[in-house]
C-alpha cells in the first residue's frame, strides 16, 4: 500500500513507529550536532585568545628592539616561535632575530632564522620578503649565485625596487656589469618619488658603473640653429 493512500490516523501511526525505531539515531545526531557547534565556538575562542597572546608577545619584542635590548628581544622571539609557530607573529619574530644576528655579523644564525621563517610563512607576500632578506644574507656570505637564484624566483612585482637593486648587486658580484646596470635602471624606474629613501643610493650605483647607459641620462642641449643674416 503506498503512503499517499493512507488516512491521517494511519500516517500518524506510521510516523510514530518510524520515530520509535530511529529514536536513538536521531538523538545521537542531535547530540553530535550540538557537540560540533559547541566545539567550533570553543575553537574560535581559543584561536582569538592565541592571536591576542601572540600579538602581545610581538609587541614586547618590538619594544625590546626599540629599547636596544637585543638579548631580551631574542628571548621573546624564541618564545613566540615555540608557542605560536603557525602565527604570522612568529615569522615576523624570526625576521627580527635575523636582523639582530646580521647586526652582530652572525650570518649563519641569520640564515637559519630566515630558513625557519620561510618554512612557516603562510602568506606569499611574507615569503617574498623572507626570500629577499635571505638573498641579501647569501650575498653577504659571498654566494652571489644563490642570492640571484632566490631573487629570480620572486613573484614579479613583489618589492620590485628592492629586488632589482639586490639583483644588480648580485650580478655585479658575478662580473656581469651590463646586466647589473640594467637591473639598477629597472629598480630606479620603480621608485616614483624623487625623494624616496634609497633612490640616491641606486643612482650612485648607476653612476659608479658609468658607460653608455649612465651617459644616456644626461640631457644634451640642442645645437643653436643657423639664422640667415638680414640683407
N, C-alpha and C. Protein backbone atom coordinates (compact mmCIF):
# COMPACT_ATOMS: atom_id res chain seq x y z
N UNK A 1 0.85 -1.20 0.00
CA UNK A 1 0.00 0.00 0.00
C UNK A 1 0.88 1.24 0.00
N UNK A 2 0.68 2.18 -0.91
CA UNK A 2 1.51 3.38 -0.98
C UNK A 2 1.12 4.36 0.12
N UNK A 3 2.10 5.24 0.48
CA UNK A 3 1.90 6.17 1.59
C UNK A 3 0.77 7.16 1.33
N UNK A 4 0.58 7.56 0.07
CA UNK A 4 -0.39 8.60 -0.22
C UNK A 4 -1.84 8.15 -0.11
N UNK A 5 -2.11 6.83 0.02
CA UNK A 5 -3.49 6.37 0.14
C UNK A 5 -3.86 6.10 1.60
N UNK A 6 -2.91 6.26 2.55
CA UNK A 6 -3.21 6.08 3.97
C UNK A 6 -3.99 7.27 4.50
N UNK A 7 -4.88 7.02 5.45
CA UNK A 7 -5.60 8.15 6.05
C UNK A 7 -4.70 8.81 7.10
N UNK A 8 -5.18 9.90 7.67
CA UNK A 8 -4.35 10.68 8.59
C UNK A 8 -3.94 9.86 9.80
N UNK A 9 -4.84 9.04 10.33
CA UNK A 9 -4.54 8.21 11.51
C UNK A 9 -3.43 7.21 11.20
N UNK A 10 -3.56 6.56 10.03
CA UNK A 10 -2.55 5.57 9.65
C UNK A 10 -1.19 6.23 9.41
N UNK A 11 -1.22 7.43 8.79
CA UNK A 11 0.02 8.15 8.56
C UNK A 11 0.68 8.52 9.88
N UNK A 12 -0.13 8.97 10.85
CA UNK A 12 0.40 9.33 12.17
C UNK A 12 1.04 8.13 12.85
N UNK A 13 0.35 6.97 12.76
CA UNK A 13 0.90 5.76 13.37
C UNK A 13 2.22 5.36 12.73
N UNK A 14 2.27 5.51 11.40
CA UNK A 14 3.47 5.14 10.68
C UNK A 14 4.66 6.03 11.07
N UNK A 15 4.38 7.33 11.22
CA UNK A 15 5.42 8.28 11.61
C UNK A 15 5.91 7.99 13.02
N UNK A 16 4.97 7.71 13.93
CA UNK A 16 5.35 7.41 15.31
C UNK A 16 6.19 6.13 15.39
N UNK A 17 5.84 5.15 14.59
CA UNK A 17 6.59 3.91 14.57
C UNK A 17 8.02 4.16 14.07
N UNK A 18 8.13 4.99 13.05
CA UNK A 18 9.45 5.30 12.50
C UNK A 18 10.29 6.05 13.53
N UNK A 19 9.63 6.96 14.27
CA UNK A 19 10.35 7.72 15.29
C UNK A 19 10.83 6.80 16.41
N UNK A 20 9.99 5.82 16.81
CA UNK A 20 10.38 4.90 17.87
C UNK A 20 11.58 4.05 17.43
N UNK A 21 11.52 3.61 16.19
CA UNK A 21 12.59 2.75 15.69
C UNK A 21 13.91 3.51 15.48
N UNK A 22 13.82 4.82 15.24
CA UNK A 22 15.02 5.60 14.94
C UNK A 22 15.34 6.64 16.00
N UNK A 23 14.73 6.51 17.17
CA UNK A 23 14.91 7.50 18.23
C UNK A 23 16.37 7.65 18.62
N UNK A 24 17.07 6.52 18.75
CA UNK A 24 18.47 6.57 19.16
C UNK A 24 19.34 7.28 18.13
N UNK A 25 19.10 6.99 16.86
CA UNK A 25 19.89 7.62 15.80
C UNK A 25 19.62 9.13 15.75
N UNK A 26 18.35 9.50 15.95
CA UNK A 26 18.00 10.92 15.93
C UNK A 26 18.66 11.64 17.10
N UNK A 27 18.58 11.03 18.28
CA UNK A 27 19.18 11.64 19.47
C UNK A 27 20.69 11.78 19.31
N UNK A 28 21.30 10.74 18.74
CA UNK A 28 22.75 10.78 18.53
C UNK A 28 23.12 11.89 17.55
N UNK A 29 22.35 12.02 16.49
CA UNK A 29 22.62 13.07 15.51
C UNK A 29 22.51 14.45 16.10
N UNK A 30 21.45 14.65 16.93
CA UNK A 30 21.26 15.96 17.56
C UNK A 30 22.43 16.27 18.51
N UNK A 31 22.79 15.24 19.31
CA UNK A 31 23.89 15.42 20.26
C UNK A 31 25.19 15.73 19.53
N UNK A 32 25.44 15.01 18.43
CA UNK A 32 26.66 15.24 17.66
C UNK A 32 26.68 16.66 17.08
N UNK A 33 25.53 17.11 16.59
CA UNK A 33 25.44 18.45 16.04
C UNK A 33 25.73 19.51 17.09
N UNK A 34 25.18 19.30 18.30
CA UNK A 34 25.42 20.25 19.38
C UNK A 34 26.89 20.28 19.77
N UNK A 35 27.51 19.07 19.82
CA UNK A 35 28.93 18.99 20.15
C UNK A 35 29.77 19.73 19.12
N UNK A 36 29.43 19.54 17.85
CA UNK A 36 30.18 20.21 16.79
C UNK A 36 30.05 21.72 16.87
N UNK A 37 28.83 22.19 17.13
CA UNK A 37 28.60 23.63 17.24
C UNK A 37 29.38 24.19 18.42
N UNK A 38 29.29 23.50 19.57
CA UNK A 38 30.00 23.94 20.76
C UNK A 38 31.51 23.91 20.54
N UNK A 39 31.99 22.83 19.91
CA UNK A 39 33.42 22.71 19.65
C UNK A 39 33.92 23.81 18.73
N UNK A 40 33.13 24.15 17.71
CA UNK A 40 33.50 25.21 16.78
C UNK A 40 33.60 26.56 17.50
N UNK A 41 32.63 26.81 18.38
CA UNK A 41 32.65 28.06 19.13
C UNK A 41 33.87 28.12 20.04
N UNK A 42 34.17 26.99 20.70
CA UNK A 42 35.33 26.95 21.59
C UNK A 42 36.63 27.12 20.82
N UNK A 43 36.68 26.53 19.62
CA UNK A 43 37.88 26.65 18.79
C UNK A 43 38.10 28.10 18.40
N UNK A 44 37.02 28.81 18.04
CA UNK A 44 37.15 30.21 17.67
C UNK A 44 37.62 31.05 18.84
N UNK A 45 37.09 30.76 20.04
CA UNK A 45 37.51 31.48 21.24
C UNK A 45 38.99 31.22 21.51
N UNK A 46 39.39 29.95 21.34
CA UNK A 46 40.79 29.58 21.56
C UNK A 46 41.71 30.29 20.57
N UNK A 47 41.30 30.32 19.30
CA UNK A 47 42.11 30.97 18.27
C UNK A 47 42.25 32.45 18.55
N UNK A 48 41.15 33.08 18.97
CA UNK A 48 41.19 34.51 19.29
C UNK A 48 42.15 34.77 20.45
N UNK A 49 42.08 33.88 21.46
CA UNK A 49 42.97 34.02 22.60
C UNK A 49 44.42 33.84 22.22
N UNK A 50 44.68 32.86 21.36
CA UNK A 50 46.04 32.62 20.88
C UNK A 50 46.58 33.81 20.11
N UNK A 51 45.72 34.37 19.26
CA UNK A 51 46.14 35.52 18.47
C UNK A 51 46.47 36.72 19.35
N UNK A 52 45.64 36.95 20.37
CA UNK A 52 45.89 38.07 21.27
C UNK A 52 47.19 37.88 22.05
N UNK A 53 47.44 36.65 22.49
CA UNK A 53 48.66 36.37 23.24
C UNK A 53 49.90 36.54 22.36
N UNK A 54 49.82 36.07 21.11
CA UNK A 54 50.94 36.21 20.18
C UNK A 54 51.19 37.68 19.87
N UNK A 55 50.12 38.46 19.70
CA UNK A 55 50.26 39.88 19.42
C UNK A 55 50.92 40.61 20.59
N UNK A 56 50.55 40.23 21.81
CA UNK A 56 51.13 40.85 23.00
C UNK A 56 52.63 40.56 23.09
N UNK A 57 53.01 39.31 22.79
CA UNK A 57 54.42 38.96 22.82
C UNK A 57 55.20 39.70 21.74
N UNK A 58 54.60 39.84 20.56
CA UNK A 58 55.30 40.55 19.49
C UNK A 58 55.47 42.02 19.84
N UNK A 59 54.49 42.60 20.52
CA UNK A 59 54.63 43.99 20.96
C UNK A 59 55.79 44.11 21.95
N UNK A 60 55.90 43.11 22.84
CA UNK A 60 57.03 43.11 23.79
C UNK A 60 58.35 42.99 23.03
N UNK A 61 58.35 42.22 21.97
CA UNK A 61 59.56 42.07 21.15
C UNK A 61 59.96 43.38 20.50
N UNK A 62 59.00 44.06 19.88
CA UNK A 62 59.30 45.33 19.21
C UNK A 62 59.74 46.39 20.23
N UNK A 63 59.15 46.36 21.43
CA UNK A 63 59.55 47.30 22.48
C UNK A 63 61.01 47.06 22.87
N UNK A 64 61.40 45.79 22.98
CA UNK A 64 62.78 45.45 23.34
C UNK A 64 63.74 45.88 22.24
N UNK A 65 63.35 45.72 20.98
CA UNK A 65 64.19 46.13 19.87
C UNK A 65 64.38 47.64 19.87
N UNK A 66 63.27 48.38 20.07
CA UNK A 66 63.35 49.84 20.08
C UNK A 66 64.17 50.35 21.25
N UNK A 67 64.12 49.59 22.37
CA UNK A 67 64.91 49.97 23.55
C UNK A 67 66.35 49.52 23.45
N UNK A 68 66.72 48.92 22.30
CA UNK A 68 68.08 48.42 22.08
C UNK A 68 68.48 47.40 23.14
N UNK A 69 67.58 46.44 23.36
CA UNK A 69 67.85 45.34 24.28
C UNK A 69 67.78 44.03 23.48
N UNK A 70 68.82 43.74 22.69
CA UNK A 70 68.76 42.58 21.78
C UNK A 70 68.62 41.24 22.49
N UNK A 71 69.25 41.08 23.64
CA UNK A 71 69.16 39.80 24.36
C UNK A 71 67.72 39.53 24.80
N UNK A 72 67.08 40.57 25.32
CA UNK A 72 65.67 40.44 25.72
C UNK A 72 64.78 40.17 24.51
N UNK A 73 65.07 40.85 23.41
CA UNK A 73 64.29 40.66 22.18
C UNK A 73 64.42 39.23 21.67
N UNK A 74 65.63 38.67 21.74
CA UNK A 74 65.85 37.30 21.27
C UNK A 74 65.09 36.29 22.12
N UNK A 75 65.02 36.52 23.43
CA UNK A 75 64.28 35.61 24.31
C UNK A 75 62.79 35.61 23.97
N UNK A 76 62.24 36.81 23.75
CA UNK A 76 60.82 36.91 23.40
C UNK A 76 60.56 36.26 22.05
N UNK A 77 61.48 36.47 21.10
CA UNK A 77 61.33 35.88 19.77
C UNK A 77 61.35 34.35 19.84
N UNK A 78 62.26 33.80 20.66
CA UNK A 78 62.31 32.34 20.84
C UNK A 78 61.00 31.82 21.40
N UNK A 79 60.45 32.54 22.38
CA UNK A 79 59.18 32.14 22.99
C UNK A 79 58.05 32.16 21.97
N UNK A 80 58.02 33.20 21.17
CA UNK A 80 56.98 33.32 20.13
C UNK A 80 57.06 32.16 19.15
N UNK A 81 58.26 31.81 18.71
CA UNK A 81 58.42 30.73 17.74
C UNK A 81 58.03 29.38 18.32
N UNK A 82 58.27 29.18 19.61
CA UNK A 82 57.95 27.90 20.24
C UNK A 82 56.46 27.78 20.55
N UNK A 83 55.86 28.85 21.04
CA UNK A 83 54.47 28.80 21.49
C UNK A 83 53.46 29.00 20.36
N UNK A 84 53.82 29.80 19.38
CA UNK A 84 52.87 30.12 18.29
C UNK A 84 53.54 29.95 16.92
N UNK A 85 54.06 28.77 16.62
CA UNK A 85 54.83 28.58 15.38
C UNK A 85 54.04 28.81 14.10
N UNK A 86 52.72 28.66 14.16
CA UNK A 86 51.92 28.82 12.94
C UNK A 86 51.39 30.24 12.75
N UNK A 87 51.74 31.14 13.65
CA UNK A 87 51.23 32.51 13.55
C UNK A 87 52.16 33.38 12.73
N UNK A 88 51.60 34.43 12.14
CA UNK A 88 52.41 35.39 11.40
C UNK A 88 53.39 36.10 12.31
N UNK A 89 52.98 36.30 13.57
CA UNK A 89 53.86 36.97 14.53
C UNK A 89 55.16 36.19 14.73
N UNK A 90 55.09 34.86 14.71
CA UNK A 90 56.29 34.04 14.88
C UNK A 90 57.25 34.24 13.71
N UNK A 91 56.69 34.35 12.50
CA UNK A 91 57.52 34.59 11.32
C UNK A 91 58.18 35.96 11.41
N UNK A 92 57.42 36.96 11.83
CA UNK A 92 57.98 38.30 11.99
C UNK A 92 59.05 38.31 13.08
N UNK A 93 58.85 37.49 14.11
CA UNK A 93 59.85 37.39 15.17
C UNK A 93 61.15 36.79 14.63
N UNK A 94 61.03 35.80 13.76
CA UNK A 94 62.22 35.21 13.15
C UNK A 94 62.96 36.24 12.29
N UNK A 95 62.22 37.10 11.62
CA UNK A 95 62.85 38.17 10.83
C UNK A 95 63.62 39.12 11.75
N UNK A 96 63.03 39.41 12.91
CA UNK A 96 63.73 40.26 13.88
C UNK A 96 65.01 39.59 14.38
N UNK A 97 64.92 38.28 14.63
CA UNK A 97 66.10 37.53 15.05
C UNK A 97 67.20 37.62 13.99
N UNK A 98 66.81 37.49 12.74
CA UNK A 98 67.78 37.58 11.65
C UNK A 98 68.42 38.96 11.61
N UNK A 99 67.64 40.00 11.80
CA UNK A 99 68.19 41.36 11.79
C UNK A 99 69.21 41.56 12.91
N UNK A 100 68.87 41.04 14.10
CA UNK A 100 69.79 41.17 15.23
C UNK A 100 71.09 40.41 14.95
N UNK A 101 70.95 39.22 14.37
CA UNK A 101 72.13 38.42 14.05
C UNK A 101 73.00 39.12 13.00
N UNK A 102 72.37 39.74 12.02
CA UNK A 102 73.11 40.47 10.99
C UNK A 102 73.88 41.63 11.62
N UNK A 103 73.24 42.30 12.60
CA UNK A 103 73.90 43.39 13.30
C UNK A 103 75.14 42.93 14.05
N UNK A 104 75.16 41.65 14.42
CA UNK A 104 76.33 41.07 15.10
C UNK A 104 77.28 40.39 14.12
N UNK A 105 76.96 40.51 12.83
CA UNK A 105 77.74 39.86 11.77
C UNK A 105 77.73 38.34 11.91
N UNK A 106 76.65 37.83 12.49
CA UNK A 106 76.47 36.38 12.63
C UNK A 106 75.55 35.91 11.50
N UNK A 107 76.12 35.79 10.32
CA UNK A 107 75.32 35.50 9.13
C UNK A 107 74.74 34.08 9.15
N UNK A 108 75.43 33.14 9.77
CA UNK A 108 74.92 31.76 9.84
C UNK A 108 73.63 31.70 10.65
N UNK A 109 73.59 32.40 11.80
CA UNK A 109 72.39 32.44 12.62
C UNK A 109 71.26 33.16 11.89
N UNK A 110 71.61 34.22 11.18
CA UNK A 110 70.60 34.96 10.41
C UNK A 110 69.99 34.07 9.34
N UNK A 111 70.83 33.32 8.63
CA UNK A 111 70.34 32.42 7.58
C UNK A 111 69.43 31.35 8.16
N UNK A 112 69.78 30.83 9.33
CA UNK A 112 68.96 29.80 9.97
C UNK A 112 67.59 30.34 10.35
N UNK A 113 67.55 31.55 10.91
CA UNK A 113 66.27 32.16 11.29
C UNK A 113 65.40 32.42 10.06
N UNK A 114 66.03 32.84 8.97
CA UNK A 114 65.29 33.11 7.74
C UNK A 114 64.76 31.83 7.10
N UNK A 115 65.54 30.74 7.20
CA UNK A 115 65.06 29.45 6.69
C UNK A 115 63.81 29.01 7.44
N UNK A 116 63.82 29.19 8.76
CA UNK A 116 62.65 28.83 9.57
C UNK A 116 61.46 29.71 9.18
N UNK A 117 61.72 30.99 8.99
CA UNK A 117 60.64 31.92 8.64
C UNK A 117 59.98 31.53 7.33
N UNK A 118 60.77 31.13 6.35
CA UNK A 118 60.20 30.77 5.06
C UNK A 118 59.35 29.50 5.16
N UNK A 119 59.81 28.54 5.95
CA UNK A 119 59.07 27.29 6.11
C UNK A 119 57.73 27.50 6.80
N UNK A 120 57.63 28.55 7.59
CA UNK A 120 56.42 28.77 8.38
C UNK A 120 55.58 29.96 7.92
N UNK A 121 56.05 30.66 6.91
CA UNK A 121 55.29 31.81 6.39
C UNK A 121 54.10 31.32 5.57
N UNK A 122 52.93 31.78 5.93
CA UNK A 122 51.73 31.35 5.21
C UNK A 122 51.38 32.25 4.04
N UNK A 123 51.70 33.53 4.15
CA UNK A 123 51.36 34.49 3.11
C UNK A 123 52.45 34.57 2.05
N UNK A 124 52.05 34.60 0.79
CA UNK A 124 53.03 34.67 -0.30
C UNK A 124 53.87 35.94 -0.22
N UNK A 125 53.23 37.06 0.14
CA UNK A 125 53.97 38.32 0.23
C UNK A 125 55.01 38.26 1.34
N UNK A 126 54.70 37.54 2.41
CA UNK A 126 55.64 37.40 3.51
C UNK A 126 56.80 36.48 3.10
N UNK A 127 56.48 35.43 2.36
CA UNK A 127 57.54 34.55 1.85
C UNK A 127 58.49 35.32 0.93
N UNK A 128 57.93 36.21 0.12
CA UNK A 128 58.76 37.01 -0.79
C UNK A 128 59.70 37.90 0.01
N UNK A 129 59.21 38.49 1.08
CA UNK A 129 60.05 39.34 1.92
C UNK A 129 61.16 38.52 2.56
N UNK A 130 60.83 37.33 3.04
CA UNK A 130 61.84 36.45 3.65
C UNK A 130 62.90 36.08 2.62
N UNK A 131 62.47 35.75 1.40
CA UNK A 131 63.43 35.38 0.35
C UNK A 131 64.35 36.55 0.00
N UNK A 132 63.79 37.75 0.03
CA UNK A 132 64.59 38.94 -0.25
C UNK A 132 65.67 39.12 0.82
N UNK A 133 65.28 38.93 2.08
CA UNK A 133 66.26 39.02 3.18
C UNK A 133 67.29 37.90 3.06
N UNK A 134 66.83 36.70 2.72
CA UNK A 134 67.75 35.56 2.58
C UNK A 134 68.76 35.81 1.48
N UNK A 135 68.30 36.39 0.37
CA UNK A 135 69.20 36.69 -0.73
C UNK A 135 70.27 37.69 -0.30
N UNK A 136 69.89 38.65 0.51
CA UNK A 136 70.86 39.64 1.00
C UNK A 136 71.93 38.98 1.87
N UNK A 137 71.48 38.02 2.70
CA UNK A 137 72.42 37.30 3.55
C UNK A 137 73.35 36.42 2.70
N UNK A 138 72.77 35.74 1.70
CA UNK A 138 73.58 34.90 0.81
C UNK A 138 74.67 35.74 0.13
N UNK A 139 74.28 36.93 -0.29
CA UNK A 139 75.23 37.80 -0.97
C UNK A 139 76.33 38.24 0.00
N UNK A 140 75.95 38.53 1.24
CA UNK A 140 76.93 38.91 2.25
C UNK A 140 77.88 37.76 2.57
N UNK A 141 77.38 36.53 2.41
CA UNK A 141 78.21 35.35 2.65
C UNK A 141 79.11 35.03 1.45
N UNK A 142 78.95 35.79 0.37
CA UNK A 142 79.77 35.59 -0.81
C UNK A 142 79.19 34.62 -1.83
N UNK A 143 77.93 34.21 -1.61
CA UNK A 143 77.29 33.27 -2.53
C UNK A 143 76.33 34.03 -3.44
N UNK A 144 76.87 34.73 -4.42
CA UNK A 144 76.06 35.56 -5.32
C UNK A 144 75.13 34.72 -6.18
N UNK A 145 75.56 33.52 -6.56
CA UNK A 145 74.71 32.66 -7.38
C UNK A 145 73.43 32.27 -6.62
N UNK A 146 73.58 31.89 -5.35
CA UNK A 146 72.41 31.52 -4.54
C UNK A 146 71.49 32.72 -4.33
N UNK A 147 72.10 33.88 -4.14
CA UNK A 147 71.30 35.10 -3.96
C UNK A 147 70.49 35.40 -5.22
N UNK A 148 71.14 35.29 -6.37
CA UNK A 148 70.47 35.57 -7.64
C UNK A 148 69.34 34.58 -7.90
N UNK A 149 69.55 33.34 -7.52
CA UNK A 149 68.52 32.32 -7.71
C UNK A 149 67.28 32.66 -6.89
N UNK A 150 67.47 33.11 -5.66
CA UNK A 150 66.34 33.49 -4.81
C UNK A 150 65.60 34.70 -5.39
N UNK A 151 66.36 35.68 -5.86
CA UNK A 151 65.74 36.90 -6.40
C UNK A 151 64.95 36.61 -7.67
N UNK A 152 65.52 35.80 -8.55
CA UNK A 152 64.84 35.49 -9.82
C UNK A 152 63.57 34.68 -9.60
N UNK A 153 63.46 33.99 -8.47
CA UNK A 153 62.27 33.18 -8.18
C UNK A 153 61.16 33.99 -7.52
N UNK A 154 61.43 35.26 -7.20
CA UNK A 154 60.41 36.10 -6.56
C UNK A 154 59.27 36.38 -7.54
N UNK A 155 58.02 36.45 -7.05
CA UNK A 155 56.89 36.83 -7.92
C UNK A 155 57.12 38.22 -8.50
N UNK A 156 56.81 38.40 -9.75
CA UNK A 156 57.00 39.69 -10.40
C UNK A 156 56.15 40.75 -9.72
N UNK A 157 56.77 41.87 -9.44
CA UNK A 157 56.04 42.97 -8.83
C UNK A 157 56.20 43.06 -7.32
N UNK A 158 56.61 41.96 -6.66
CA UNK A 158 56.79 41.99 -5.22
C UNK A 158 58.12 42.66 -4.87
N UNK A 159 58.03 43.81 -4.17
CA UNK A 159 59.23 44.53 -3.74
C UNK A 159 60.16 44.77 -4.94
N UNK A 160 59.59 45.27 -6.03
CA UNK A 160 60.31 45.37 -7.30
C UNK A 160 61.59 46.19 -7.19
N UNK A 161 61.53 47.34 -6.51
CA UNK A 161 62.72 48.19 -6.43
C UNK A 161 63.81 47.52 -5.61
N UNK A 162 63.45 46.96 -4.46
CA UNK A 162 64.43 46.30 -3.60
C UNK A 162 65.03 45.08 -4.29
N UNK A 163 64.16 44.31 -4.93
CA UNK A 163 64.64 43.11 -5.63
C UNK A 163 65.55 43.47 -6.79
N UNK A 164 65.20 44.54 -7.52
CA UNK A 164 66.02 44.96 -8.66
C UNK A 164 67.40 45.43 -8.21
N UNK A 165 67.44 46.18 -7.14
CA UNK A 165 68.73 46.65 -6.63
C UNK A 165 69.60 45.48 -6.17
N UNK A 166 68.98 44.56 -5.44
CA UNK A 166 69.73 43.41 -4.95
C UNK A 166 70.19 42.51 -6.10
N UNK A 167 69.36 42.42 -7.12
CA UNK A 167 69.74 41.65 -8.31
C UNK A 167 70.95 42.29 -8.98
N UNK A 168 70.95 43.62 -9.06
CA UNK A 168 72.10 44.32 -9.62
C UNK A 168 73.36 44.07 -8.81
N UNK A 169 73.22 44.06 -7.47
CA UNK A 169 74.38 43.79 -6.61
C UNK A 169 74.95 42.40 -6.87
N UNK A 170 74.04 41.41 -7.00
CA UNK A 170 74.49 40.03 -7.24
C UNK A 170 75.17 39.90 -8.60
N UNK A 171 74.57 40.51 -9.60
CA UNK A 171 75.15 40.44 -10.95
C UNK A 171 76.52 41.12 -11.00
N UNK A 172 76.63 42.24 -10.29
CA UNK A 172 77.90 42.95 -10.26
C UNK A 172 78.97 42.09 -9.58
N UNK A 173 78.56 41.38 -8.53
CA UNK A 173 79.49 40.50 -7.83
C UNK A 173 79.96 39.37 -8.74
N UNK A 174 79.10 38.97 -9.66
CA UNK A 174 79.45 37.90 -10.60
C UNK A 174 80.19 38.42 -11.83
N UNK A 175 80.42 39.73 -11.87
CA UNK A 175 81.15 40.30 -13.00
C UNK A 175 80.29 40.57 -14.22
N UNK A 176 78.99 40.51 -14.09
CA UNK A 176 78.08 40.74 -15.22
C UNK A 176 77.61 42.19 -15.19
N UNK A 177 78.53 43.09 -15.54
CA UNK A 177 78.33 44.52 -15.34
C UNK A 177 77.15 45.08 -16.14
N UNK A 178 77.03 44.74 -17.41
CA UNK A 178 75.95 45.27 -18.24
C UNK A 178 74.59 44.86 -17.68
N UNK A 179 74.46 43.60 -17.25
CA UNK A 179 73.20 43.15 -16.68
C UNK A 179 72.92 43.84 -15.36
N UNK A 180 73.97 44.10 -14.60
CA UNK A 180 73.81 44.80 -13.32
C UNK A 180 73.30 46.22 -13.56
N UNK A 181 73.86 46.89 -14.58
CA UNK A 181 73.41 48.24 -14.92
C UNK A 181 71.92 48.24 -15.27
N UNK A 182 71.50 47.26 -16.07
CA UNK A 182 70.09 47.16 -16.46
C UNK A 182 69.21 46.93 -15.24
N UNK A 183 69.67 46.09 -14.33
CA UNK A 183 68.89 45.80 -13.12
C UNK A 183 68.74 47.06 -12.27
N UNK A 184 69.80 47.84 -12.14
CA UNK A 184 69.72 49.08 -11.37
C UNK A 184 68.76 50.08 -12.03
N UNK A 185 68.82 50.15 -13.36
CA UNK A 185 67.92 51.06 -14.08
C UNK A 185 66.46 50.66 -13.89
N UNK A 186 66.20 49.36 -13.96
CA UNK A 186 64.83 48.89 -13.76
C UNK A 186 64.36 49.16 -12.34
N UNK A 187 65.27 48.98 -11.38
CA UNK A 187 64.92 49.25 -9.99
C UNK A 187 64.62 50.73 -9.79
N UNK A 188 65.43 51.58 -10.42
CA UNK A 188 65.24 53.02 -10.31
C UNK A 188 63.90 53.45 -10.91
N UNK A 189 63.49 52.77 -11.97
CA UNK A 189 62.22 53.12 -12.62
C UNK A 189 61.02 52.77 -11.74
N UNK A 190 61.22 51.91 -10.74
CA UNK A 190 60.14 51.52 -9.84
C UNK A 190 59.98 52.50 -8.68
N UNK A 191 60.93 53.42 -8.54
CA UNK A 191 60.87 54.40 -7.45
C UNK A 191 60.34 55.70 -8.03
N UNK A 192 59.06 55.94 -7.84
CA UNK A 192 58.42 57.10 -8.48
C UNK A 192 58.73 58.41 -7.77
N UNK A 193 58.93 58.35 -6.47
CA UNK A 193 59.18 59.56 -5.69
C UNK A 193 60.66 59.91 -5.75
N UNK A 194 60.96 61.11 -6.23
CA UNK A 194 62.36 61.53 -6.37
C UNK A 194 63.07 61.61 -5.03
N UNK A 195 62.30 61.83 -3.97
CA UNK A 195 62.89 61.96 -2.64
C UNK A 195 62.84 60.65 -1.85
N UNK A 196 62.43 59.58 -2.49
CA UNK A 196 62.27 58.31 -1.79
C UNK A 196 63.60 57.80 -1.27
N UNK A 197 63.51 57.16 -0.09
CA UNK A 197 64.73 56.60 0.50
C UNK A 197 65.29 55.50 -0.41
N UNK A 198 66.54 55.54 -0.65
CA UNK A 198 67.20 54.53 -1.47
C UNK A 198 67.38 54.95 -2.91
N UNK A 199 66.65 55.96 -3.36
CA UNK A 199 66.79 56.38 -4.76
C UNK A 199 68.20 56.92 -5.03
N UNK A 200 68.71 57.70 -4.06
CA UNK A 200 70.04 58.25 -4.22
C UNK A 200 71.11 57.18 -4.28
N UNK A 201 70.93 56.11 -3.48
CA UNK A 201 71.88 55.01 -3.48
C UNK A 201 71.88 54.31 -4.84
N UNK A 202 70.67 54.08 -5.37
CA UNK A 202 70.56 53.45 -6.68
C UNK A 202 71.23 54.28 -7.76
N UNK A 203 70.99 55.59 -7.73
CA UNK A 203 71.59 56.47 -8.73
C UNK A 203 73.11 56.46 -8.62
N UNK A 204 73.60 56.40 -7.37
CA UNK A 204 75.04 56.38 -7.16
C UNK A 204 75.65 55.09 -7.73
N UNK A 205 74.94 53.97 -7.54
CA UNK A 205 75.44 52.70 -8.08
C UNK A 205 75.48 52.75 -9.60
N UNK A 206 74.48 53.36 -10.19
CA UNK A 206 74.46 53.50 -11.66
C UNK A 206 75.61 54.39 -12.12
N UNK A 207 75.80 55.50 -11.43
CA UNK A 207 76.87 56.43 -11.81
C UNK A 207 78.24 55.77 -11.68
N UNK A 208 78.40 54.94 -10.66
CA UNK A 208 79.68 54.25 -10.47
C UNK A 208 79.99 53.31 -11.63
N UNK A 209 78.95 52.74 -12.22
CA UNK A 209 79.17 51.82 -13.34
C UNK A 209 79.54 52.58 -14.61
N UNK A 210 79.04 53.84 -14.72
CA UNK A 210 79.36 54.64 -15.89
C UNK A 210 78.89 53.99 -17.17
N UNK A 211 79.57 54.24 -18.28
CA UNK A 211 79.22 53.61 -19.54
C UNK A 211 78.10 54.33 -20.25
N UNK A 212 77.69 53.81 -21.41
CA UNK A 212 76.68 54.45 -22.25
C UNK A 212 75.34 54.64 -21.56
N UNK A 213 74.97 53.65 -20.74
CA UNK A 213 73.64 53.73 -20.14
C UNK A 213 73.55 54.91 -19.20
N UNK A 214 74.62 55.15 -18.41
CA UNK A 214 74.60 56.27 -17.48
C UNK A 214 74.66 57.59 -18.23
N UNK A 215 75.47 57.64 -19.31
CA UNK A 215 75.60 58.87 -20.09
C UNK A 215 74.32 59.24 -20.78
N UNK A 216 73.50 58.25 -21.10
CA UNK A 216 72.26 58.50 -21.83
C UNK A 216 71.28 59.32 -21.01
N UNK A 217 71.45 59.33 -19.68
CA UNK A 217 70.51 60.06 -18.84
C UNK A 217 70.83 61.55 -18.79
N UNK A 218 72.00 61.95 -19.32
CA UNK A 218 72.39 63.36 -19.29
C UNK A 218 71.81 64.06 -20.52
N UNK A 219 71.08 65.12 -20.29
CA UNK A 219 70.45 65.83 -21.40
C UNK A 219 71.49 66.63 -22.17
N UNK A 220 71.46 66.52 -23.47
CA UNK A 220 72.39 67.25 -24.33
C UNK A 220 71.65 68.43 -24.92
N UNK A 221 72.14 69.66 -24.69
CA UNK A 221 71.42 70.82 -25.21
C UNK A 221 71.46 70.84 -26.73
N UNK A 222 70.39 71.29 -27.36
CA UNK A 222 70.35 71.31 -28.83
C UNK A 222 71.34 72.34 -29.39
N UNK A 223 71.88 72.04 -30.55
CA UNK A 223 72.82 72.98 -31.22
C UNK A 223 72.06 74.21 -31.68
N UNK A 224 72.68 75.38 -31.56
CA UNK A 224 71.97 76.60 -32.00
C UNK A 224 71.68 76.55 -33.49
N UNK A 225 70.53 77.00 -33.86
CA UNK A 225 70.15 76.97 -35.28
C UNK A 225 70.80 78.14 -36.00
N UNK A 226 71.20 77.86 -37.25
CA UNK A 226 71.83 78.92 -38.06
C UNK A 226 70.76 79.82 -38.61
N UNK A 227 70.88 81.12 -38.35
CA UNK A 227 69.90 82.07 -38.84
C UNK A 227 70.46 82.80 -40.06
N UNK A 228 69.63 83.03 -41.01
CA UNK A 228 70.03 83.74 -42.22
C UNK A 228 70.21 85.21 -41.94
N UNK A 229 71.37 85.76 -42.18
CA UNK A 229 71.59 87.17 -41.84
C UNK A 229 70.67 88.06 -42.66
N UNK A 230 70.29 89.15 -42.02
CA UNK A 230 69.38 90.08 -42.73
C UNK A 230 70.13 90.78 -43.84
N UNK A 231 69.47 90.95 -44.93
CA UNK A 231 70.09 91.61 -46.09
C UNK A 231 69.98 93.11 -45.96
